[in-house]
Protein backbone atom coordinates (compact mmCIF):
# COMPACT_ATOMS: atom_id res chain seq x y z
CA MET A 1 -108.95 95.60 -62.96
CA LYS A 2 -109.37 99.40 -63.32
CA LYS A 3 -111.24 99.52 -59.96
CA LYS A 4 -108.36 97.72 -58.31
CA ARG A 5 -105.83 100.21 -59.70
CA ARG A 6 -107.99 103.15 -58.65
CA TYR A 7 -108.28 101.66 -55.15
CA SER A 8 -104.49 101.22 -54.99
CA LYS A 9 -103.98 104.92 -55.92
CA ILE A 10 -106.37 106.03 -53.20
CA VAL A 11 -104.66 103.90 -50.65
CA CYS A 12 -101.26 105.16 -51.72
CA GLY A 13 -102.48 108.80 -51.51
CA ILE A 14 -103.90 108.30 -48.00
CA PHE A 15 -100.63 106.63 -46.96
CA CYS A 16 -98.52 109.57 -48.29
CA VAL A 17 -100.66 112.13 -46.44
CA ALA A 18 -100.37 110.14 -43.25
CA VAL A 19 -96.59 109.94 -43.61
CA CYS A 20 -96.34 113.76 -44.17
CA PHE A 21 -98.36 114.49 -41.04
CA THR A 22 -96.26 112.00 -39.08
CA LEU A 23 -92.98 113.50 -40.27
CA SER A 24 -94.19 117.04 -39.64
CA GLY A 25 -94.13 116.26 -35.96
CA CYS A 26 -90.73 114.66 -35.91
CA VAL A 27 -87.75 116.73 -34.77
CA ILE A 28 -84.16 115.50 -34.60
CA GLY A 29 -82.23 117.92 -32.41
CA GLU A 30 -82.91 121.36 -33.78
CA TYR A 31 -84.02 120.02 -37.16
CA ALA A 32 -87.48 119.23 -38.44
CA VAL A 33 -87.65 116.13 -40.61
CA PHE A 34 -90.53 117.56 -42.69
CA GLU A 35 -92.15 120.90 -42.32
CA SER A 36 -94.04 123.58 -44.19
CA TYR A 37 -93.27 127.30 -44.11
CA LEU A 38 -94.45 130.58 -45.63
CA ASP A 39 -92.09 132.74 -47.63
CA GLU A 40 -92.11 136.55 -47.71
CA ASN A 41 -94.82 136.50 -50.37
CA GLY A 42 -97.09 134.36 -48.25
CA ASP A 43 -96.64 131.25 -50.47
CA GLU A 44 -96.48 127.91 -48.70
CA HIS A 45 -93.50 125.64 -49.30
CA PHE A 46 -92.45 122.26 -47.92
CA MET A 47 -88.94 121.33 -46.83
CA LEU A 48 -87.35 118.09 -45.82
CA PHE A 49 -84.88 118.11 -42.85
CA GLY A 50 -84.78 121.89 -42.44
CA GLN A 51 -83.62 123.75 -39.36
CA ARG A 52 -86.34 125.43 -37.40
CA GLY A 53 -86.27 129.19 -37.15
CA GLU A 54 -86.91 131.07 -33.95
CA ASN A 55 -90.53 131.58 -34.90
CA GLY A 56 -91.12 127.86 -35.54
CA ASN A 57 -90.71 128.16 -39.35
CA ASN A 58 -87.78 126.79 -41.27
CA GLY A 59 -85.22 129.59 -41.65
CA ASN A 60 -81.95 130.09 -43.33
CA LYS A 61 -79.75 131.83 -40.78
CA GLU A 62 -77.03 132.86 -43.22
CA GLU A 63 -79.60 134.30 -45.68
CA SER A 64 -81.25 136.24 -42.87
CA GLU A 65 -77.92 137.66 -41.65
CA HIS A 66 -77.01 138.64 -45.23
CA LYS A 67 -80.35 140.40 -45.62
CA ASP A 68 -79.77 142.29 -42.34
CA VAL A 69 -76.42 143.47 -43.57
CA GLU A 70 -77.88 144.71 -46.83
CA GLU A 71 -80.69 146.55 -44.94
CA ASN A 72 -78.15 148.17 -42.59
CA HIS A 73 -76.02 149.26 -45.57
CA THR A 74 -79.09 150.82 -47.23
CA ILE A 75 -79.99 152.70 -44.07
CA GLN A 76 -76.41 153.91 -43.63
CA GLU A 77 -76.28 155.03 -47.28
CA SER A 78 -79.54 156.93 -47.01
CA GLU A 79 -78.39 158.65 -43.80
CA SER A 80 -75.17 159.75 -45.54
CA VAL A 81 -77.14 162.01 -47.91
CA LYS A 82 -76.62 165.43 -46.49
CA SER A 83 -78.53 168.26 -48.16
CA VAL A 84 -81.61 170.35 -47.74
CA GLU A 85 -84.18 169.23 -50.32
CA SER A 86 -86.54 171.92 -51.65
CA ASP A 87 -87.78 173.63 -54.75
CA SER A 88 -85.16 176.33 -54.33
CA ILE A 89 -83.00 174.68 -57.00
CA VAL A 90 -84.39 173.14 -60.22
CA GLY A 91 -82.77 171.79 -63.35
CA THR A 92 -82.26 168.87 -65.72
CA SER A 93 -80.67 165.62 -64.36
CA LEU A 94 -80.43 167.38 -61.00
CA LYS A 95 -78.66 165.64 -58.15
CA ARG A 96 -78.37 167.14 -54.67
CA GLY A 97 -76.67 165.67 -51.61
CA TRP A 98 -73.37 163.93 -50.90
CA THR A 99 -73.35 160.13 -50.78
CA SER A 100 -70.58 157.60 -50.30
CA SER A 101 -70.98 156.50 -54.00
CA ASP A 102 -71.31 159.99 -55.50
CA HIS A 103 -69.50 162.89 -53.81
CA SER A 104 -71.27 165.59 -55.77
CA ILE A 105 -73.28 167.96 -53.53
CA LEU A 106 -74.88 169.67 -56.53
CA LYS A 107 -74.89 168.47 -60.15
CA GLY A 108 -76.99 169.07 -63.19
CA ARG A 109 -77.67 171.07 -66.38
CA ASN A 110 -79.79 174.21 -66.93
CA VAL A 111 -79.88 174.60 -63.15
CA SER A 112 -81.70 177.61 -61.75
CA ILE A 113 -81.01 178.87 -58.18
CA LYS A 114 -84.21 180.46 -56.90
CA GLU A 115 -83.09 181.25 -53.32
CA ASP A 116 -80.16 180.82 -50.95
CA SER A 117 -79.64 177.12 -50.28
CA ILE A 118 -77.44 174.94 -48.09
CA LEU A 119 -75.85 172.28 -50.28
CA PHE A 120 -73.85 170.42 -47.63
CA SER A 121 -73.79 170.25 -43.81
CA ILE A 122 -71.76 168.19 -41.41
CA ASP A 123 -71.07 168.36 -37.66
CA LEU A 124 -67.48 167.14 -37.13
CA ALA A 125 -66.00 165.83 -33.95
CA GLN A 126 -62.58 167.02 -35.03
CA GLU A 127 -61.17 169.16 -37.84
CA LYS A 128 -60.63 167.64 -41.23
CA GLU A 129 -59.16 168.85 -44.55
CA ILE A 130 -61.39 168.29 -47.53
CA THR A 131 -61.07 168.93 -51.27
CA ILE A 132 -63.83 170.71 -53.09
CA SER A 133 -64.00 170.65 -56.90
CA TYR A 134 -65.87 172.97 -59.24
CA ASP A 135 -67.01 172.55 -62.82
CA MET A 136 -69.50 175.34 -63.50
CA VAL A 137 -70.69 177.56 -66.38
CA VAL A 138 -73.10 180.39 -65.63
CA ASN A 139 -75.59 181.37 -68.31
CA ASP A 140 -77.26 184.23 -66.47
CA GLY A 141 -77.36 185.95 -63.08
CA GLU A 142 -74.92 186.06 -60.20
CA TYR A 143 -74.10 183.76 -57.27
CA GLN A 144 -71.73 183.20 -54.40
CA LEU A 145 -70.65 179.80 -53.26
CA VAL A 146 -69.67 180.12 -49.58
CA TYR A 147 -68.26 178.08 -46.67
CA ILE A 148 -69.91 178.76 -43.33
CA GLY A 149 -67.85 177.78 -40.29
CA PRO A 150 -69.08 176.76 -36.80
CA ASP A 151 -69.01 180.40 -35.65
CA GLY A 152 -71.28 181.43 -38.51
CA THR A 153 -68.62 183.29 -40.43
CA ALA A 154 -69.06 183.00 -44.23
CA GLN A 155 -66.12 182.74 -46.63
CA ILE A 156 -66.65 183.20 -50.34
CA LEU A 157 -65.26 180.21 -52.31
CA GLN A 158 -66.44 180.99 -55.83
CA ASP A 159 -68.41 183.55 -57.76
CA ASP A 160 -66.83 183.17 -61.23
CA LYS A 161 -68.99 182.76 -64.33
CA LYS A 162 -66.88 179.86 -65.62
CA ILE A 163 -64.57 177.66 -63.58
CA GLN A 164 -63.07 174.24 -63.56
CA SER A 165 -60.73 173.78 -60.58
CA GLU A 166 -60.36 172.49 -57.06
CA GLU A 167 -59.13 173.68 -53.68
CA LYS A 168 -58.56 172.43 -50.16
CA ILE A 169 -60.59 173.70 -47.25
CA LEU A 170 -60.14 172.98 -43.55
CA PHE A 171 -63.41 171.95 -41.93
CA THR A 172 -63.11 172.70 -38.23
CA LYS A 173 -64.72 170.97 -35.23
CA GLY A 174 -68.40 171.67 -35.15
CA GLN A 175 -70.99 172.53 -37.82
CA ASN A 176 -69.56 173.10 -41.28
CA GLN A 177 -71.69 174.14 -44.27
CA ILE A 178 -71.41 174.82 -47.94
CA ALA A 179 -74.13 177.13 -49.32
CA ILE A 180 -74.98 178.85 -52.59
CA LEU A 181 -76.36 182.36 -52.34
CA SER A 182 -78.45 183.62 -55.23
CA ASN A 183 -81.97 184.03 -56.53
CA THR A 184 -81.07 184.75 -60.16
CA ALA A 185 -78.29 182.44 -61.23
CA VAL A 186 -78.83 179.99 -64.09
CA PHE A 187 -76.06 177.46 -64.74
CA LYS A 188 -75.54 175.80 -68.10
CA LYS A 189 -73.89 173.09 -66.11
CA ILE A 190 -72.76 172.72 -62.51
CA ASP A 191 -70.90 170.02 -60.61
CA ILE A 192 -69.62 170.72 -57.08
CA THR A 193 -67.89 167.77 -55.44
CA ILE A 194 -66.49 167.22 -51.94
CA THR A 195 -63.85 164.53 -51.24
CA GLY A 196 -62.10 163.70 -47.99
CA ILE A 197 -65.33 162.98 -46.10
CA GLU A 198 -66.34 159.48 -44.99
CA VAL A 199 -69.76 158.09 -44.04
CA SER A 200 -68.44 157.53 -40.52
CA ASP A 201 -67.78 161.34 -40.15
CA PHE A 202 -71.56 161.84 -40.04
CA ASN A 203 -72.01 159.64 -36.97
């Protein structure tokens, strides 16, 4: 009796395998009746009645398109960071570079300026009015925060030891830069923010 049951299980197993191989070759329109595919981690999965992808594997078109959108957004976001990274500025919780989610071009505590540094740079196709906000307290040394226009002319924006205010600046067509000039200044805190700029302005 036990041999008979074991024989039945073997026959059933062989039958199931045969059915799988048969179905794996069946295609109804653009759809595979039964097919295996590898995910991004290299693990094999089996899917019933799944649409074939362009590479022969089952693919989810909507999921792929959603992933492409996320990747494009990430690339666009990373390209929107406009600053010159170096060791010329050091500090605690230091953040440099404008992004669409955080408009600060320089932010942190106990920030030391070791050499003249460009904090923000943009090449505009047309002039645009922006707002620049300051929240700064200097512990030691001196500095000048300047705007540099397309013709290379520098305009001093701030050099106060303690300031919390904002002002409007007209960025003209061409290369516009905000720079901090110092090699001695130490800020207890600093937060310089630019608003009025969009990611599309960098394109």
